[in-house]
Amino acid sequence: MTQVTNIKAAESVIRDVDYAQESANFNKQNIISQAGTYAL
């Protein structure tokens, strides 16, 4: 049971998204996309 907990934690570090980081990246890409549309 202890092993499973630690393995799940290790998998989460690799597979799961960091919402704080990805939300910031999404906002950045969204702004760039709007700017790109204006530039086009």
All heavy atoms as atom14 arrays in JSON, in Angstrom:
{
  "sequence": "MTQVTNIKAAESVIRDVDYAQESANFNKQNIISQAGTYAL",
  "atom14_mask": [
    [1, 1, 1, 1, 1, 1, 1, 1, 0, 0, 0, 0, 0, 0],
    [1, 1, 1, 1, 1, 1, 1, 0, 0, 0, 0, 0, 0, 0],
    [1, 1, 1, 1, 1, 1, 1, 1, 1, 0, 0, 0, 0, 0],
    [1, 1, 1, 1, 1, 1, 1, 0, 0, 0, 0, 0, 0, 0],
    [1, 1, 1, 1, 1, 1, 1, 0, 0, 0, 0, 0, 0, 0],
    [1, 1, 1, 1, 1, 1, 1, 1, 0, 0, 0, 0, 0, 0],
    [1, 1, 1, 1, 1, 1, 1, 1, 0, 0, 0, 0, 0, 0],
    [1, 1, 1, 1, 1, 1, 1, 1, 1, 0, 0, 0, 0, 0],
    [1, 1, 1, 1, 1, 0, 0, 0, 0, 0, 0, 0, 0, 0],
    [1, 1, 1, 1, 1, 0, 0, 0, 0, 0, 0, 0, 0, 0],
    [1, 1, 1, 1, 1, 1, 1, 1, 1, 0, 0, 0, 0, 0],
    [1, 1, 1, 1, 1, 1, 0, 0, 0, 0, 0, 0, 0, 0],
    [1, 1, 1, 1, 1, 1, 1, 0, 0, 0, 0, 0, 0, 0],
    [1, 1, 1, 1, 1, 1, 1, 1, 0, 0, 0, 0, 0, 0],
    [1, 1, 1, 1, 1, 1, 1, 1, 1, 1, 1, 0, 0, 0],
    [1, 1, 1, 1, 1, 1, 1, 1, 0, 0, 0, 0, 0, 0],
    [1, 1, 1, 1, 1, 1, 1, 0, 0, 0, 0, 0, 0, 0],
    [1, 1, 1, 1, 1, 1, 1, 1, 0, 0, 0, 0, 0, 0],
    [1, 1, 1, 1, 1, 1, 1, 1, 1, 1, 1, 1, 0, 0],
    [1, 1, 1, 1, 1, 0, 0, 0, 0, 0, 0, 0, 0, 0],
    [1, 1, 1, 1, 1, 1, 1, 1, 1, 0, 0, 0, 0, 0],
    [1, 1, 1, 1, 1, 1, 1, 1, 1, 0, 0, 0, 0, 0],
    [1, 1, 1, 1, 1, 1, 0, 0, 0, 0, 0, 0, 0, 0],
    [1, 1, 1, 1, 1, 0, 0, 0, 0, 0, 0, 0, 0, 0],
    [1, 1, 1, 1, 1, 1, 1, 1, 0, 0, 0, 0, 0, 0],
    [1, 1, 1, 1, 1, 1, 1, 1, 1, 1, 1, 0, 0, 0],
    [1, 1, 1, 1, 1, 1, 1, 1, 0, 0, 0, 0, 0, 0],
    [1, 1, 1, 1, 1, 1, 1, 1, 1, 0, 0, 0, 0, 0],
    [1, 1, 1, 1, 1, 1, 1, 1, 1, 0, 0, 0, 0, 0],
    [1, 1, 1, 1, 1, 1, 1, 1, 0, 0, 0, 0, 0, 0],
    [1, 1, 1, 1, 1, 1, 1, 1, 0, 0, 0, 0, 0, 0],
    [1, 1, 1, 1, 1, 1, 1, 1, 0, 0, 0, 0, 0, 0],
    [1, 1, 1, 1, 1, 1, 0, 0, 0, 0, 0, 0, 0, 0],
    [1, 1, 1, 1, 1, 1, 1, 1, 1, 0, 0, 0, 0, 0],
    [1, 1, 1, 1, 1, 0, 0, 0, 0, 0, 0, 0, 0, 0],
    [1, 1, 1, 1, 0, 0, 0, 0, 0, 0, 0, 0, 0, 0],
    [1, 1, 1, 1, 1, 1, 1, 0, 0, 0, 0, 0, 0, 0],
    [1, 1, 1, 1, 1, 1, 1, 1, 1, 1, 1, 1, 0, 0],
    [1, 1, 1, 1, 1, 0, 0, 0, 0, 0, 0, 0, 0, 0],
    [1, 1, 1, 1, 1, 1, 1, 1, 0, 0, 0, 0, 0, 0]
  ],
  "atom14_positions": [
    [[0.83, -1.21, 0.0], [0.0, 0.0, 0.0], [0.86, 1.26, 0.0], [0.56, 2.23, -0.7], [-0.93, -0.02, 1.21], [-2.03, -1.08, 1.12], [-3.03, -1.21, 2.63], [-3.83, 0.39, 2.63], [0.0, 0.0, 0.0], [0.0, 0.0, 0.0], [0.0, 0.0, 0.0], [0.0, 0.0, 0.0], [0.0, 0.0, 0.0], [0.0, 0.0, 0.0]],
    [[1.95, 1.22, 0.75], [2.88, 2.35, 0.75], [3.55, 2.48, -0.61], [3.71, 3.6, -1.13], [3.96, 2.14, 1.83], [3.34, 2.02, 3.11], [4.93, 3.31, 1.85], [0.0, 0.0, 0.0], [0.0, 0.0, 0.0], [0.0, 0.0, 0.0], [0.0, 0.0, 0.0], [0.0, 0.0, 0.0], [0.0, 0.0, 0.0], [0.0, 0.0, 0.0]],
    [[3.91, 1.35, -1.23], [4.51, 1.38, -2.55], [3.58, 2.01, -3.58], [4.01, 2.85, -4.38], [4.87, -0.04, -2.99], [6.16, -0.58, -2.41], [6.49, -1.95, -3.0], [5.68, -2.87, -3.0], [7.68, -2.08, -3.51], [0.0, 0.0, 0.0], [0.0, 0.0, 0.0], [0.0, 0.0, 0.0], [0.0, 0.0, 0.0], [0.0, 0.0, 0.0]],
    [[2.32, 1.62, -3.56], [1.37, 2.14, -4.53], [1.23, 3.65, -4.38], [1.19, 4.39, -5.38], [-0.01, 1.46, -4.36], [-1.09, 2.2, -5.14], [0.06, 0.02, -4.83], [0.0, 0.0, 0.0], [0.0, 0.0, 0.0], [0.0, 0.0, 0.0], [0.0, 0.0, 0.0], [0.0, 0.0, 0.0], [0.0, 0.0, 0.0], [0.0, 0.0, 0.0]],
    [[1.18, 4.13, -3.15], [1.07, 5.57, -2.92], [2.27, 6.31, -3.53], [2.11, 7.33, -4.22], [0.99, 5.86, -1.42], [-0.17, 5.22, -0.87], [0.89, 7.35, -1.16], [0.0, 0.0, 0.0], [0.0, 0.0, 0.0], [0.0, 0.0, 0.0], [0.0, 0.0, 0.0], [0.0, 0.0, 0.0], [0.0, 0.0, 0.0], [0.0, 0.0, 0.0]],
    [[3.46, 5.79, -3.29], [4.66, 6.44, -3.81], [4.75, 6.35, -5.34], [5.18, 7.3, -6.0], [5.91, 5.82, -3.18], [6.01, 6.11, -1.69], [5.52, 7.13, -1.22], [6.62, 5.22, -0.93], [0.0, 0.0, 0.0], [0.0, 0.0, 0.0], [0.0, 0.0, 0.0], [0.0, 0.0, 0.0], [0.0, 0.0, 0.0], [0.0, 0.0, 0.0]],
    [[4.34, 5.2, -5.89], [4.37, 5.04, -7.35], [3.37, 5.99, -8.01], [3.68, 6.62, -9.03], [4.08, 3.58, -7.72], [5.24, 2.68, -7.3], [3.85, 3.44, -9.23], [4.95, 1.2, -7.4], [0.0, 0.0, 0.0], [0.0, 0.0, 0.0], [0.0, 0.0, 0.0], [0.0, 0.0, 0.0], [0.0, 0.0, 0.0], [0.0, 0.0, 0.0]],
    [[2.18, 6.11, -7.43], [1.18, 7.02, -7.96], [1.67, 8.47, -7.91], [1.41, 9.26, -8.83], [-0.13, 6.88, -7.17], [-0.92, 5.63, -7.49], [-1.53, 5.71, -8.88], [-2.47, 4.55, -9.16], [-3.04, 4.62, -10.52], [0.0, 0.0, 0.0], [0.0, 0.0, 0.0], [0.0, 0.0, 0.0], [0.0, 0.0, 0.0], [0.0, 0.0, 0.0]],
    [[2.37, 8.8, -6.83], [2.92, 10.15, -6.71], [3.96, 10.4, -7.8], [4.0, 11.48, -8.42], [3.53, 10.34, -5.32], [0.0, 0.0, 0.0], [0.0, 0.0, 0.0], [0.0, 0.0, 0.0], [0.0, 0.0, 0.0], [0.0, 0.0, 0.0], [0.0, 0.0, 0.0], [0.0, 0.0, 0.0], [0.0, 0.0, 0.0], [0.0, 0.0, 0.0]],
    [[4.81, 9.39, -8.05], [5.83, 9.54, -9.09], [5.19, 9.67, -10.47], [5.63, 10.48, -11.3], [6.77, 8.33, -9.06], [0.0, 0.0, 0.0], [0.0, 0.0, 0.0], [0.0, 0.0, 0.0], [0.0, 0.0, 0.0], [0.0, 0.0, 0.0], [0.0, 0.0, 0.0], [0.0, 0.0, 0.0], [0.0, 0.0, 0.0], [0.0, 0.0, 0.0]],
    [[4.15, 8.88, -10.73], [3.46, 8.98, -12.02], [2.8, 10.34, -12.18], [2.81, 10.93, -13.27], [2.4, 7.88, -12.13], [1.66, 7.9, -13.46], [0.43, 7.02, -13.47], [0.13, 6.38, -12.44], [-0.26, 6.99, -14.51], [0.0, 0.0, 0.0], [0.0, 0.0, 0.0], [0.0, 0.0, 0.0], [0.0, 0.0, 0.0], [0.0, 0.0, 0.0]],
    [[2.22, 10.84, -11.09], [1.55, 12.14, -11.15], [2.51, 13.27, -11.52], [2.16, 14.17, -12.3], [0.89, 12.44, -9.8], [0.29, 13.72, -9.8], [0.0, 0.0, 0.0], [0.0, 0.0, 0.0], [0.0, 0.0, 0.0], [0.0, 0.0, 0.0], [0.0, 0.0, 0.0], [0.0, 0.0, 0.0], [0.0, 0.0, 0.0], [0.0, 0.0, 0.0]],
    [[3.73, 13.2, -10.98], [4.73, 14.23, -11.31], [5.01, 14.25, -12.8], [5.19, 15.32, -13.41], [6.02, 13.97, -10.51], [7.14, 14.88, -11.0], [5.78, 14.19, -9.02], [0.0, 0.0, 0.0], [0.0, 0.0, 0.0], [0.0, 0.0, 0.0], [0.0, 0.0, 0.0], [0.0, 0.0, 0.0], [0.0, 0.0, 0.0], [0.0, 0.0, 0.0]],
    [[5.03, 13.07, -13.42], [5.35, 12.98, -14.85], [4.14, 13.26, -15.72], [4.22, 14.01, -16.7], [5.91, 11.58, -15.17], [7.2, 11.33, -14.4], [6.16, 11.43, -16.67], [7.72, 9.92, -14.5], [0.0, 0.0, 0.0], [0.0, 0.0, 0.0], [0.0, 0.0, 0.0], [0.0, 0.0, 0.0], [0.0, 0.0, 0.0], [0.0, 0.0, 0.0]],
    [[2.97, 12.66, -15.38], [1.84, 12.67, -16.29], [0.87, 13.84, -16.08], [0.32, 14.39, -17.04], [1.07, 11.35, -16.15], [0.04, 11.12, -17.25], [-0.83, 9.91, -16.94], [-0.07, 8.67, -16.89], [0.18, 7.92, -17.98], [-0.23, 8.3, -19.17], [0.86, 6.79, -17.84], [0.0, 0.0, 0.0], [0.0, 0.0, 0.0], [0.0, 0.0, 0.0]],
    [[0.63, 14.22, -14.84], [-0.41, 15.21, -14.55], [0.06, 16.62, -14.86], [1.24, 16.95, -14.74], [-0.83, 15.12, -13.08], [-1.53, 13.8, -12.77], [-1.89, 13.1, -13.73], [-1.7, 13.48, -11.58], [0.0, 0.0, 0.0], [0.0, 0.0, 0.0], [0.0, 0.0, 0.0], [0.0, 0.0, 0.0], [0.0, 0.0, 0.0], [0.0, 0.0, 0.0]],
    [[-0.91, 17.47, -15.22], [-0.6, 18.85, -15.58], [-0.52, 19.71, -14.32], [-1.23, 19.46, -13.34], [-1.67, 19.4, -16.55], [-3.01, 19.56, -15.84], [-1.22, 20.71, -17.17], [0.0, 0.0, 0.0], [0.0, 0.0, 0.0], [0.0, 0.0, 0.0], [0.0, 0.0, 0.0], [0.0, 0.0, 0.0], [0.0, 0.0, 0.0], [0.0, 0.0, 0.0]],
    [[0.35, 20.69, -14.35], [0.41, 21.71, -13.31], [-0.53, 22.83, -13.75], [-0.22, 23.59, -14.67], [1.85, 22.22, -13.16], [2.0, 23.22, -12.02], [1.01, 23.9, -11.69], [3.11, 23.34, -11.48], [0.0, 0.0, 0.0], [0.0, 0.0, 0.0], [0.0, 0.0, 0.0], [0.0, 0.0, 0.0], [0.0, 0.0, 0.0], [0.0, 0.0, 0.0]],
    [[-1.68, 22.94, -13.11], [-2.7, 23.88, -13.57], [-2.24, 25.34, -13.48], [-2.59, 26.16, -14.34], [-4.0, 23.69, -12.78], [-4.92, 22.67, -13.42], [-4.88, 21.34, -13.06], [-5.82, 23.05, -14.41], [-5.7, 20.4, -13.64], [-6.66, 22.13, -15.01], [-6.59, 20.79, -14.62], [-7.41, 19.88, -15.24], [0.0, 0.0, 0.0], [0.0, 0.0, 0.0]],
    [[-1.5, 25.67, -12.44], [-1.02, 27.05, -12.32], [-0.11, 27.4, -13.5], [-0.26, 28.45, -14.13], [-0.29, 27.23, -11.0], [0.0, 0.0, 0.0], [0.0, 0.0, 0.0], [0.0, 0.0, 0.0], [0.0, 0.0, 0.0], [0.0, 0.0, 0.0], [0.0, 0.0, 0.0], [0.0, 0.0, 0.0], [0.0, 0.0, 0.0], [0.0, 0.0, 0.0]],
    [[0.82, 26.51, -13.79], [1.76, 26.74, -14.89], [1.05, 26.73, -16.24], [1.28, 27.6, -17.09], [2.86, 25.67, -14.86], [3.9, 25.82, -15.97], [4.94, 24.72, -15.9], [4.9, 23.88, -15.02], [5.87, 24.73, -16.82], [0.0, 0.0, 0.0], [0.0, 0.0, 0.0], [0.0, 0.0, 0.0], [0.0, 0.0, 0.0], [0.0, 0.0, 0.0]],
    [[0.16, 25.75, -16.44], [-0.5, 25.63, -17.74], [-1.52, 26.75, -17.96], [-1.73, 27.18, -19.11], [-1.17, 24.26, -17.87], [-1.55, 23.9, -19.29], [-0.35, 23.92, -20.24], [0.73, 23.45, -19.85], [-0.5, 24.45, -21.37], [0.0, 0.0, 0.0], [0.0, 0.0, 0.0], [0.0, 0.0, 0.0], [0.0, 0.0, 0.0], [0.0, 0.0, 0.0]],
    [[-2.15, 27.22, -16.91], [-3.08, 28.34, -17.05], [-2.34, 29.6, -17.49], [-2.82, 30.36, -18.33], [-3.81, 28.6, -15.72], [-4.63, 27.51, -15.37], [0.0, 0.0, 0.0], [0.0, 0.0, 0.0], [0.0, 0.0, 0.0], [0.0, 0.0, 0.0], [0.0, 0.0, 0.0], [0.0, 0.0, 0.0], [0.0, 0.0, 0.0], [0.0, 0.0, 0.0]],
    [[-1.17, 29.81, -16.91], [-0.36, 30.95, -17.32], [0.07, 30.82, -18.77], [0.04, 31.79, -19.55], [0.86, 31.07, -16.41], [0.0, 0.0, 0.0], [0.0, 0.0, 0.0], [0.0, 0.0, 0.0], [0.0, 0.0, 0.0], [0.0, 0.0, 0.0], [0.0, 0.0, 0.0], [0.0, 0.0, 0.0], [0.0, 0.0, 0.0], [0.0, 0.0, 0.0]],
    [[0.44, 29.59, -19.17], [0.84, 29.36, -20.56], [-0.34, 29.57, -21.51], [-0.19, 30.14, -22.6], [1.38, 27.94, -20.7], [1.81, 27.62, -22.13], [2.63, 28.32, -22.71], [1.24, 26.57, -22.69], [0.0, 0.0, 0.0], [0.0, 0.0, 0.0], [0.0, 0.0, 0.0], [0.0, 0.0, 0.0], [0.0, 0.0, 0.0], [0.0, 0.0, 0.0]],
    [[-1.54, 29.13, -21.1], [-2.73, 29.31, -21.94], [-3.03, 30.79, -22.13], [-3.34, 31.24, -23.26], [-3.92, 28.61, -21.29], [-5.23, 28.9, -21.97], [-5.55, 28.29, -23.18], [-6.13, 29.79, -21.41], [-6.75, 28.57, -23.82], [-7.33, 30.07, -22.04], [-7.65, 29.45, -23.24], [0.0, 0.0, 0.0], [0.0, 0.0, 0.0], [0.0, 0.0, 0.0]],
    [[-2.97, 31.54, -21.05], [-3.23, 32.98, -21.17], [-2.21, 33.65, -22.1], [-2.57, 34.53, -22.91], [-3.2, 33.64, -19.79], [-4.39, 33.24, -18.95], [-5.46, 32.96, -19.47], [-4.21, 33.19, -17.63], [0.0, 0.0, 0.0], [0.0, 0.0, 0.0], [0.0, 0.0, 0.0], [0.0, 0.0, 0.0], [0.0, 0.0, 0.0], [0.0, 0.0, 0.0]],
    [[-0.95, 33.23, -21.99], [0.08, 33.78, -22.87], [-0.21, 33.45, -24.33], [-0.17, 34.33, -25.2], [1.45, 33.24, -22.46], [2.6, 33.79, -23.32], [3.91, 33.11, -22.97], [3.95, 31.7, -23.51], [5.3, 31.09, -23.36], [0.0, 0.0, 0.0], [0.0, 0.0, 0.0], [0.0, 0.0, 0.0], [0.0, 0.0, 0.0], [0.0, 0.0, 0.0]],
    [[-0.51, 32.19, -24.6], [-0.79, 31.77, -25.97], [-2.04, 32.46, -26.51], [-2.13, 32.79, -27.7], [-0.94, 30.25, -26.04], [0.29, 29.46, -25.67], [1.46, 29.7, -26.61], [1.27, 30.04, -27.79], [2.67, 29.55, -26.09], [0.0, 0.0, 0.0], [0.0, 0.0, 0.0], [0.0, 0.0, 0.0], [0.0, 0.0, 0.0], [0.0, 0.0, 0.0]],
    [[-3.03, 32.66, -25.64], [-4.27, 33.33, -26.06], [-3.99, 34.76, -26.48], [-4.52, 35.24, -27.5], [-5.28, 33.28, -24.91], [-6.68, 33.61, -25.36], [-7.04, 33.41, -26.52], [-7.47, 34.17, -24.46], [0.0, 0.0, 0.0], [0.0, 0.0, 0.0], [0.0, 0.0, 0.0], [0.0, 0.0, 0.0], [0.0, 0.0, 0.0], [0.0, 0.0, 0.0]],
    [[-3.16, 35.46, -25.71], [-2.81, 36.84, -26.05], [-2.02, 36.88, -27.35], [-2.27, 37.73, -28.23], [-2.02, 37.49, -24.9], [-2.91, 37.65, -23.67], [-1.45, 38.84, -25.32], [-2.17, 38.07, -22.42], [0.0, 0.0, 0.0], [0.0, 0.0, 0.0], [0.0, 0.0, 0.0], [0.0, 0.0, 0.0], [0.0, 0.0, 0.0], [0.0, 0.0, 0.0]],
    [[-1.06, 35.96, -27.48], [-0.26, 35.92, -28.71], [-1.14, 35.62, -29.92], [-0.96, 36.17, -31.0], [0.85, 34.86, -28.57], [1.86, 35.28, -27.5], [1.56, 34.64, -29.91], [2.92, 34.23, -27.21], [0.0, 0.0, 0.0], [0.0, 0.0, 0.0], [0.0, 0.0, 0.0], [0.0, 0.0, 0.0], [0.0, 0.0, 0.0], [0.0, 0.0, 0.0]],
    [[-2.13, 34.71, -29.72], [-3.04, 34.39, -30.82], [-3.84, 35.6, -31.25], [-4.0, 35.86, -32.46], [-3.98, 33.26, -30.38], [-4.92, 32.97, -31.39], [0.0, 0.0, 0.0], [0.0, 0.0, 0.0], [0.0, 0.0, 0.0], [0.0, 0.0, 0.0], [0.0, 0.0, 0.0], [0.0, 0.0, 0.0], [0.0, 0.0, 0.0], [0.0, 0.0, 0.0]],
    [[-4.32, 36.36, -30.31], [-5.07, 37.58, -30.65], [-4.18, 38.6, -31.36], [-4.59, 39.23, -32.33], [-5.68, 38.19, -29.39], [-6.74, 37.32, -28.72], [-7.28, 37.92, -27.44], [-7.59, 39.12, -27.4], [-7.39, 37.12, -26.4], [0.0, 0.0, 0.0], [0.0, 0.0, 0.0], [0.0, 0.0, 0.0], [0.0, 0.0, 0.0], [0.0, 0.0, 0.0]],
    [[-2.95, 38.7, -30.85], [-2.01, 39.63, -31.48], [-1.67, 39.16, -32.89], [-1.52, 39.97, -33.82], [-0.75, 39.75, -30.63], [0.0, 0.0, 0.0], [0.0, 0.0, 0.0], [0.0, 0.0, 0.0], [0.0, 0.0, 0.0], [0.0, 0.0, 0.0], [0.0, 0.0, 0.0], [0.0, 0.0, 0.0], [0.0, 0.0, 0.0], [0.0, 0.0, 0.0]],
    [[-1.53, 37.85, -33.07], [-1.23, 37.31, -34.39], [-2.34, 37.56, -35.38], [-2.1, 37.85, -36.56], [0.0, 0.0, 0.0], [0.0, 0.0, 0.0], [0.0, 0.0, 0.0], [0.0, 0.0, 0.0], [0.0, 0.0, 0.0], [0.0, 0.0, 0.0], [0.0, 0.0, 0.0], [0.0, 0.0, 0.0], [0.0, 0.0, 0.0], [0.0, 0.0, 0.0]],
    [[-3.57, 37.44, -34.91], [-4.72, 37.73, -35.79], [-4.72, 39.19, -36.21], [-4.98, 39.54, -37.38], [-6.03, 37.39, -35.06], [-6.02, 36.0, -34.68], [-7.24, 37.66, -35.94], [0.0, 0.0, 0.0], [0.0, 0.0, 0.0], [0.0, 0.0, 0.0], [0.0, 0.0, 0.0], [0.0, 0.0, 0.0], [0.0, 0.0, 0.0], [0.0, 0.0, 0.0]],
    [[-4.41, 40.06, -35.26], [-4.33, 41.49, -35.58], [-3.2, 41.76, -36.57], [-3.37, 42.52, -37.53], [-4.11, 42.3, -34.31], [-3.9, 43.76, -34.55], [-4.98, 44.6, -34.87], [-2.63, 44.32, -34.48], [-4.79, 45.95, -35.11], [-2.43, 45.67, -34.71], [-3.51, 46.48, -35.03], [-3.32, 47.81, -35.27], [0.0, 0.0, 0.0], [0.0, 0.0, 0.0]],
    [[-2.04, 41.08, -36.36], [-0.91, 41.28, -37.27], [-1.24, 40.8, -38.68], [-0.85, 41.42, -39.67], [0.32, 40.54, -36.74], [0.0, 0.0, 0.0], [0.0, 0.0, 0.0], [0.0, 0.0, 0.0], [0.0, 0.0, 0.0], [0.0, 0.0, 0.0], [0.0, 0.0, 0.0], [0.0, 0.0, 0.0], [0.0, 0.0, 0.0], [0.0, 0.0, 0.0]],
    [[-2.0, 39.68, -38.77], [-2.38, 39.16, -40.08], [-3.3, 40.14, -40.81], [-3.16, 40.37, -42.01], [-3.06, 37.8, -39.91], [-3.51, 37.1, -41.19], [-2.32, 36.86, -42.12], [-4.2, 35.78, -40.87], [0.0, 0.0, 0.0], [0.0, 0.0, 0.0], [0.0, 0.0, 0.0], [0.0, 0.0, 0.0], [0.0, 0.0, 0.0], [0.0, 0.0, 0.0]]
  ]
}
